[in-house]
Amino acid sequence: MPSLDSIVLELQREALDRKCSVSDLLRRAMVVAQKLKLTEFEKWIGNELEGYNGAASEVPAYRRVLGQVKVNNPYRGWMPMTFEDPEEAELLSSRLCGQSVAELEHLLSGKKTSSALLMSFPPDLERDLMKSMNPVALKPFLQVSASSVFGILDAVRTSVLKWALRLETDGILAACGQCPAVT
């Protein structure tokens, strides 16, 4: 059975290894957080693994993506949606991304960081946006770069690394003789 000190060091190594998926890294961090009874960090890990399904206020700021509202014109292709109010355009060009880390990893699989991703609007907002279009209502999307989604995953990886380093600094490794074994 590996001891808690070795799993903390392993967590640090995996956080530095881009070949290790962020979802696998979070699962290992969940084991450490649960063994140490660190409920706040365990809750954060759970939200990252399962997605932020609660209030938007729970979604961390590093999960904000910026893009451009576009519509797919059947004759001209993708076109930016125009707004009379620049504040409305700015507001709609930014979105908190609450999907699980696994969903984000899947979205990016096989994509170049220069690729574009499309995010749907909530049904009520989509309906309102389509009502404002004349003469033809086209379905609006928020177009974001794949690199912005990659940035979310990188922020999660960095958070886990900082946490694992802080565990070491706080003496978790030195006190390992009193720590429960990790299975």
C-alpha atoms as a PDB file:
ATOM      1  CA  MET A   1       0.000   0.000   0.000  1.00  0.00           C
ATOM      2  CA  PRO A   2       1.411   3.403  -0.894  1.00  0.00           C
ATOM      3  CA  SER A   3       1.646   5.855   1.976  1.00  0.00           C
ATOM      4  CA  LEU A   4       0.085   9.305   1.908  1.00  0.00           C
ATOM      5  CA  ASP A   5       3.495  10.913   1.391  1.00  0.00           C
ATOM      6  CA  SER A   6       4.115   8.904  -1.759  1.00  0.00           C
ATOM      7  CA  ILE A   7       0.669   9.680  -3.145  1.00  0.00           C
ATOM      8  CA  VAL A   8       1.214  13.417  -2.527  1.00  0.00           C
ATOM      9  CA  LEU A   9       4.535  13.237  -4.394  1.00  0.00           C
ATOM     10  CA  GLU A  10       2.871  11.169  -7.122  1.00  0.00           C
ATOM     11  CA  LEU A  11       0.130  13.792  -7.365  1.00  0.00           C
ATOM     12  CA  GLN A  12       2.800  16.464  -7.877  1.00  0.00           C
ATOM     13  CA  ARG A  13       4.469  14.392 -10.621  1.00  0.00           C
ATOM     14  CA  GLU A  14       1.148  13.763 -12.382  1.00  0.00           C
ATOM     15  CA  ALA A  15       0.209  17.442 -12.187  1.00  0.00           C
ATOM     16  CA  LEU A  16       3.430  18.201 -14.082  1.00  0.00           C
ATOM     17  CA  ASP A  17       2.844  15.425 -16.648  1.00  0.00           C
ATOM     18  CA  ARG A  18       0.717  16.627 -19.602  1.00  0.00           C
ATOM     19  CA  LYS A  19       0.148  12.969 -20.574  1.00  0.00           C
ATOM     20  CA  CYS A  20      -1.916  12.480 -17.414  1.00  0.00           C
ATOM     21  CA  SER A  21      -5.499  13.575 -18.026  1.00  0.00           C
ATOM     22  CA  VAL A  22      -6.855  16.264 -15.743  1.00  0.00           C
ATOM     23  CA  SER A  23      -9.807  14.032 -14.817  1.00  0.00           C
ATOM     24  CA  ASP A  24      -7.429  11.253 -13.665  1.00  0.00           C
ATOM     25  CA  LEU A  25      -5.375  13.829 -11.768  1.00  0.00           C
ATOM     26  CA  LEU A  26      -8.527  15.047 -10.008  1.00  0.00           C
ATOM     27  CA  ARG A  27      -9.510  11.506  -9.026  1.00  0.00           C
ATOM     28  CA  ARG A  28      -6.125  11.005  -7.370  1.00  0.00           C
ATOM     29  CA  ALA A  29      -6.486  14.384  -5.648  1.00  0.00           C
ATOM     30  CA  MET A  30      -9.925  13.264  -4.421  1.00  0.00           C
ATOM     31  CA  VAL A  31      -8.321  10.290  -2.669  1.00  0.00           C
ATOM     32  CA  VAL A  32      -5.812  12.567  -0.925  1.00  0.00           C
ATOM     33  CA  ALA A  33      -8.459  15.138   0.042  1.00  0.00           C
ATOM     34  CA  GLN A  34     -10.750  12.467   1.434  1.00  0.00           C
ATOM     35  CA  LYS A  35      -7.969  10.774   3.437  1.00  0.00           C
ATOM     36  CA  LEU A  36      -7.007  14.144   4.924  1.00  0.00           C
ATOM     37  CA  LYS A  37     -10.664  15.098   5.481  1.00  0.00           C
ATOM     38  CA  LEU A  38     -10.260  18.334   3.507  1.00  0.00           C
ATOM     39  CA  THR A  39     -13.927  18.806   2.672  1.00  0.00           C
ATOM     40  CA  GLU A  40     -13.611  22.195   0.970  1.00  0.00           C
ATOM     41  CA  PHE A  41     -11.044  20.919  -1.517  1.00  0.00           C
ATOM     42  CA  GLU A  42     -13.003  17.676  -1.897  1.00  0.00           C
ATOM     43  CA  LYS A  43     -16.106  19.715  -2.837  1.00  0.00           C
ATOM     44  CA  TRP A  44     -14.096  21.688  -5.438  1.00  0.00           C
ATOM     45  CA  ILE A  45     -12.755  18.429  -6.910  1.00  0.00           C
ATOM     46  CA  GLY A  46     -16.289  17.013  -7.037  1.00  0.00           C
ATOM     47  CA  ASN A  47     -17.540  20.085  -8.903  1.00  0.00           C
ATOM     48  CA  GLU A  48     -14.675  19.821 -11.397  1.00  0.00           C
ATOM     49  CA  LEU A  49     -15.328  16.096 -11.945  1.00  0.00           C
ATOM     50  CA  GLU A  50     -19.130  16.274 -12.078  1.00  0.00           C
ATOM     51  CA  GLY A  51     -19.644  19.786 -13.407  1.00  0.00           C
ATOM     52  CA  TYR A  52     -20.968  22.891 -11.716  1.00  0.00           C
ATOM     53  CA  ASN A  53     -24.691  22.240 -11.656  1.00  0.00           C
ATOM     54  CA  GLY A  54     -25.595  24.796  -8.998  1.00  0.00           C
ATOM     55  CA  ALA A  55     -25.761  28.544  -9.100  1.00  0.00           C
ATOM     56  CA  ALA A  56     -23.518  30.416 -11.517  1.00  0.00           C
ATOM     57  CA  SER A  57     -21.912  32.082  -8.503  1.00  0.00           C
ATOM     58  CA  GLU A  58     -20.278  28.740  -7.647  1.00  0.00           C
ATOM     59  CA  VAL A  59     -18.456  28.531 -10.983  1.00  0.00           C
ATOM     60  CA  PRO A  60     -14.874  29.805 -10.543  1.00  0.00           C
ATOM     61  CA  ALA A  61     -13.729  32.849 -12.525  1.00  0.00           C
ATOM     62  CA  TYR A  62     -11.074  30.811 -14.378  1.00  0.00           C
ATOM     63  CA  ARG A  63     -13.963  29.016 -16.104  1.00  0.00           C
ATOM     64  CA  ARG A  64     -15.075  32.175 -17.936  1.00  0.00           C
ATOM     65  CA  VAL A  65     -14.626  31.957 -21.703  1.00  0.00           C
ATOM     66  CA  LEU A  66     -14.786  34.818 -24.170  1.00  0.00           C
ATOM     67  CA  GLY A  67     -15.965  34.519 -27.712  1.00  0.00           C
ATOM     68  CA  GLN A  68     -18.148  36.033 -30.379  1.00  0.00           C
ATOM     69  CA  VAL A  69     -21.881  35.586 -30.903  1.00  0.00           C
ATOM     70  CA  LYS A  70     -22.423  34.148 -34.377  1.00  0.00           C
ATOM     71  CA  VAL A  71     -25.224  32.813 -36.522  1.00  0.00           C
ATOM     72  CA  ASN A  72     -25.014  30.333 -39.375  1.00  0.00           C
ATOM     73  CA  ASN A  73     -26.490  31.974 -42.449  1.00  0.00           C
ATOM     74  CA  PRO A  74     -27.375  29.183 -44.913  1.00  0.00           C
ATOM     75  CA  TYR A  75     -26.152  31.335 -47.841  1.00  0.00           C
ATOM     76  CA  ARG A  76     -23.130  33.105 -46.338  1.00  0.00           C
ATOM     77  CA  GLY A  77     -21.961  30.707 -43.608  1.00  0.00           C
ATOM     78  CA  TRP A  78     -20.942  31.826 -40.130  1.00  0.00           C
ATOM     79  CA  MET A  79     -21.497  35.526 -39.529  1.00  0.00           C
ATOM     80  CA  PRO A  80     -21.131  37.693 -36.429  1.00  0.00           C
ATOM     81  CA  MET A  81     -24.433  38.695 -34.874  1.00  0.00           C
ATOM     82  CA  THR A  82     -24.809  42.457 -34.677  1.00  0.00           C
ATOM     83  CA  PHE A  83     -26.167  44.253 -31.635  1.00  0.00           C
ATOM     84  CA  GLU A  84     -27.477  47.792 -31.276  1.00  0.00           C
ATOM     85  CA  ASP A  85     -26.268  47.899 -27.677  1.00  0.00           C
ATOM     86  CA  PRO A  86     -22.496  47.315 -27.290  1.00  0.00           C
ATOM     87  CA  GLU A  87     -23.005  46.382 -23.613  1.00  0.00           C
ATOM     88  CA  GLU A  88     -25.377  43.595 -24.637  1.00  0.00           C
ATOM     89  CA  ALA A  89     -22.834  42.324 -27.173  1.00  0.00           C
ATOM     90  CA  GLU A  90     -20.118  42.326 -24.509  1.00  0.00           C
ATOM     91  CA  LEU A  91     -22.340  40.586 -21.977  1.00  0.00           C
ATOM     92  CA  LEU A  92     -23.328  37.830 -24.411  1.00  0.00           C
ATOM     93  CA  SER A  93     -19.724  37.309 -25.571  1.00  0.00           C
ATOM     94  CA  SER A  94     -18.699  36.000 -22.173  1.00  0.00           C
ATOM     95  CA  ARG A  95     -19.879  32.825 -20.499  1.00  0.00           C
ATOM     96  CA  LEU A  96     -19.082  30.705 -17.482  1.00  0.00           C
ATOM     97  CA  CYS A  97     -18.340  27.152 -18.547  1.00  0.00           C
ATOM     98  CA  GLY A  98     -19.664  24.719 -15.935  1.00  0.00           C
ATOM     99  CA  GLN A  99     -19.186  21.396 -17.744  1.00  0.00           C
ATOM    100  CA  SER A 100     -17.242  18.602 -16.094  1.00  0.00           C
ATOM    101  CA  VAL A 101     -13.520  18.308 -16.777  1.00  0.00           C
ATOM    102  CA  ALA A 102     -14.142  15.031 -18.628  1.00  0.00           C
ATOM    103  CA  GLU A 103     -16.613  16.783 -20.967  1.00  0.00           C
ATOM    104  CA  LEU A 104     -14.098  19.550 -21.640  1.00  0.00           C
ATOM    105  CA  GLU A 105     -11.345  17.011 -22.307  1.00  0.00           C
ATOM    106  CA  HIS A 106     -13.644  15.187 -24.729  1.00  0.00           C
ATOM    107  CA  LEU A 107     -14.510  18.457 -26.498  1.00  0.00           C
ATOM    108  CA  LEU A 108     -10.813  19.105 -27.072  1.00  0.00           C
ATOM    109  CA  SER A 109      -9.809  15.589 -28.096  1.00  0.00           C
ATOM    110  CA  GLY A 110      -8.391  15.753 -31.589  1.00  0.00           C
ATOM    111  CA  LYS A 111      -8.851  19.527 -31.870  1.00  0.00           C
ATOM    112  CA  LYS A 112      -6.136  22.071 -32.516  1.00  0.00           C
ATOM    113  CA  THR A 113      -5.965  24.943 -30.039  1.00  0.00           C
ATOM    114  CA  SER A 114      -6.770  27.261 -32.953  1.00  0.00           C
ATOM    115  CA  SER A 115     -10.086  25.451 -33.562  1.00  0.00           C
ATOM    116  CA  ALA A 116     -13.407  27.079 -32.786  1.00  0.00           C
ATOM    117  CA  LEU A 117     -16.046  25.565 -30.510  1.00  0.00           C
ATOM    118  CA  LEU A 118     -19.731  26.490 -30.476  1.00  0.00           C
ATOM    119  CA  MET A 119     -21.714  26.912 -27.284  1.00  0.00           C
ATOM    120  CA  SER A 120     -25.501  27.056 -27.321  1.00  0.00           C
ATOM    121  CA  PHE A 121     -27.365  29.692 -25.392  1.00  0.00           C
ATOM    122  CA  PRO A 122     -29.984  28.770 -22.781  1.00  0.00           C
ATOM    123  CA  PRO A 123     -33.363  28.239 -24.533  1.00  0.00           C
ATOM    124  CA  ASP A 124     -35.025  31.407 -23.168  1.00  0.00           C
ATOM    125  CA  LEU A 125     -32.095  33.605 -24.159  1.00  0.00           C
ATOM    126  CA  GLU A 126     -31.832  31.916 -27.553  1.00  0.00           C
ATOM    127  CA  ARG A 127     -35.527  32.581 -28.189  1.00  0.00           C
ATOM    128  CA  ASP A 128     -35.140  36.257 -27.210  1.00  0.00           C
ATOM    129  CA  LEU A 129     -32.101  36.686 -29.456  1.00  0.00           C
ATOM    130  CA  MET A 130     -33.892  35.068 -32.387  1.00  0.00           C
ATOM    131  CA  LYS A 131     -36.924  37.347 -31.898  1.00  0.00           C
ATOM    132  CA  SER A 132     -34.642  40.371 -32.254  1.00  0.00           C
ATOM    133  CA  MET A 133     -33.428  39.284 -35.713  1.00  0.00           C
ATOM    134  CA  ASN A 134     -35.001  40.718 -38.848  1.00  0.00           C
ATOM    135  CA  PRO A 135     -36.064  39.532 -41.346  1.00  0.00           C
ATOM    136  CA  VAL A 136     -34.928  35.925 -40.665  1.00  0.00           C
ATOM    137  CA  ALA A 137     -34.303  34.425 -37.237  1.00  0.00           C
ATOM    138  CA  LEU A 138     -31.167  32.273 -37.151  1.00  0.00           C
ATOM    139  CA  LYS A 139     -29.978  30.211 -34.191  1.00  0.00           C
ATOM    140  CA  PRO A 140     -27.203  32.084 -32.320  1.00  0.00           C
ATOM    141  CA  PHE A 141     -24.123  30.437 -30.817  1.00  0.00           C
ATOM    142  CA  LEU A 142     -21.188  31.666 -28.796  1.00  0.00           C
ATOM    143  CA  GLN A 143     -18.067  30.785 -30.762  1.00  0.00           C
ATOM    144  CA  VAL A 144     -15.028  30.330 -28.509  1.00  0.00           C
ATOM    145  CA  SER A 145     -11.521  29.132 -29.243  1.00  0.00           C
ATOM    146  CA  ALA A 146     -10.454  25.673 -28.151  1.00  0.00           C
ATOM    147  CA  SER A 147      -7.497  27.324 -26.436  1.00  0.00           C
ATOM    148  CA  SER A 148      -9.842  29.058 -23.981  1.00  0.00           C
ATOM    149  CA  VAL A 149     -11.254  25.661 -22.950  1.00  0.00           C
ATOM    150  CA  PHE A 150      -7.707  24.312 -22.739  1.00  0.00           C
ATOM    151  CA  GLY A 151      -6.984  27.223 -20.387  1.00  0.00           C
ATOM    152  CA  ILE A 152      -9.683  25.968 -18.002  1.00  0.00           C
ATOM    153  CA  LEU A 153      -8.091  22.520 -17.875  1.00  0.00           C
ATOM    154  CA  ASP A 154      -4.664  24.053 -17.357  1.00  0.00           C
ATOM    155  CA  ALA A 155      -5.969  26.197 -14.472  1.00  0.00           C
ATOM    156  CA  VAL A 156      -7.390  23.075 -12.805  1.00  0.00           C
ATOM    157  CA  ARG A 157      -4.068  21.228 -13.252  1.00  0.00           C
ATOM    158  CA  THR A 158      -2.181  24.187 -11.758  1.00  0.00           C
ATOM    159  CA  SER A 159      -4.579  24.368  -8.795  1.00  0.00           C
ATOM    160  CA  VAL A 160      -3.989  20.693  -8.003  1.00  0.00           C
ATOM    161  CA  LEU A 161      -0.216  21.179  -8.261  1.00  0.00           C
ATOM    162  CA  LYS A 162      -0.288  24.201  -5.918  1.00  0.00           C
ATOM    163  CA  TRP A 163      -2.428  22.260  -3.446  1.00  0.00           C
ATOM    164  CA  ALA A 164      -0.101  19.224  -3.511  1.00  0.00           C
ATOM    165  CA  LEU A 165       2.920  21.479  -3.007  1.00  0.00           C
ATOM    166  CA  ARG A 166       1.173  23.207  -0.106  1.00  0.00           C
ATOM    167  CA  LEU A 167       0.498  19.798   1.486  1.00  0.00           C
ATOM    168  CA  GLU A 168       4.206  19.091   1.338  1.00  0.00           C
ATOM    169  CA  THR A 169       5.060  22.548   2.729  1.00  0.00           C
ATOM    170  CA  ASP A 170       2.543  22.068   5.546  1.00  0.00           C
ATOM    171  CA  GLY A 171       4.390  18.943   6.650  1.00  0.00           C
ATOM    172  CA  ILE A 172       2.095  16.232   5.365  1.00  0.00           C
ATOM    173  CA  LEU A 173       5.194  14.348   4.167  1.00  0.00           C
ATOM    174  CA  ALA A 174       7.024  14.778   7.493  1.00  0.00           C
ATOM    175  CA  ALA A 175       4.009  13.599   9.466  1.00  0.00           C
ATOM    176  CA  CYS A 176       3.421  10.624   7.224  1.00  0.00           C
ATOM    177  CA  GLY A 177       4.065   8.057   9.931  1.00  0.00           C
ATOM    178  CA  GLN A 178       0.779   9.162  11.517  1.00  0.00           C
ATOM    179  CA  CYS A 179      -1.117   9.318   8.203  1.00  0.00           C
ATOM    180  CA  PRO A 180      -3.465   6.554   7.131  1.00  0.00           C
ATOM    181  CA  ALA A 181      -2.314   4.391   4.262  1.00  0.00           C
ATOM    182  CA  VAL A 182      -3.834   4.989   0.854  1.00  0.00           C
ATOM    183  CA  THR A 183      -5.136   1.972  -0.972  1.00  0.00           C
END
